[in-house]
Protein backbone atom coordinates (compact mmCIF):
# COMPACT_ATOMS: atom_id res chain seq x y z
CA MET A 1 11.51 22.69 -0.96
CA LYS A 2 9.70 22.50 -4.28
CA PRO A 3 11.90 25.16 -5.94
CA PHE A 4 14.91 22.92 -5.27
CA SER A 5 13.27 19.70 -6.47
CA THR A 6 14.01 18.05 -9.81
CA GLY A 7 10.40 16.86 -10.02
CA GLY A 8 11.45 13.22 -10.17
CA THR A 9 11.14 10.47 -7.62
CA TYR A 10 13.20 7.61 -6.25
CA ILE A 11 11.83 4.15 -6.92
CA ASN A 12 13.06 2.94 -3.52
CA PHE A 13 10.70 5.34 -1.74
CA LEU A 14 7.47 4.43 -3.54
CA THR A 15 4.77 2.87 -1.39
CA GLU A 16 2.13 0.29 -2.29
CA GLU A 17 -0.55 3.00 -2.32
CA GLU A 18 1.12 5.02 -5.06
CA GLY A 19 -0.12 4.36 -8.56
CA PRO A 20 1.70 3.22 -11.70
CA GLU A 21 2.15 6.83 -12.86
CA ARG A 22 4.68 7.36 -10.03
CA MET A 23 6.60 4.28 -11.23
CA GLU A 24 6.72 5.81 -14.71
CA VAL A 25 8.10 9.08 -13.30
CA ALA A 26 10.76 7.21 -11.33
CA LEU A 27 11.95 5.06 -14.24
CA GLY A 28 11.47 7.58 -17.03
CA ARG A 29 12.41 6.63 -20.56
CA GLY A 30 14.36 3.60 -19.32
CA ARG A 31 11.19 1.80 -18.24
CA HIS A 32 10.73 0.02 -21.58
CA ARG A 33 14.35 -1.13 -21.67
CA LEU A 34 14.17 -2.36 -18.07
CA SER A 35 11.04 -4.30 -18.96
CA GLU A 36 12.85 -6.01 -21.85
CA VAL A 37 15.85 -6.87 -19.67
CA LYS A 38 13.60 -8.27 -16.95
CA ALA A 39 11.72 -10.42 -19.48
CA LYS A 40 15.03 -11.88 -20.66
CA TRP A 41 16.78 -12.39 -17.32
CA ASP A 42 13.84 -12.94 -14.94
CA PRO A 43 11.03 -14.48 -17.03
CA GLU A 44 9.52 -16.20 -13.97
CA ASN A 45 9.42 -12.88 -12.08
CA VAL A 46 11.44 -14.15 -9.12
CA PHE A 47 12.57 -10.65 -8.17
CA ARG A 48 9.14 -9.16 -7.47
CA THR A 49 9.15 -8.21 -3.79
CA ASN A 50 9.73 -4.47 -4.33
CA ARG A 51 7.92 -2.25 -6.80
CA ASN A 52 7.75 -4.62 -9.72
CA ILE A 53 8.76 -3.86 -13.31
CA LYS A 54 6.22 -5.46 -15.62
CA LEU A 55 7.61 -7.92 -18.16
CA ALA A 56 7.79 -6.85 -21.79
């Protein structure tokens, strides 16, 4: 299936064992912006049960 893959990943399918590099692949260039938004709207990190986006 590799020839048909985009090379990316879905954040919903990441497991606890997968490292932070997989999170970077899933979020791409938007990771920094998501971090800023999370810092503004969720400064106490209430929404942290799934793969967490680190605060800016």
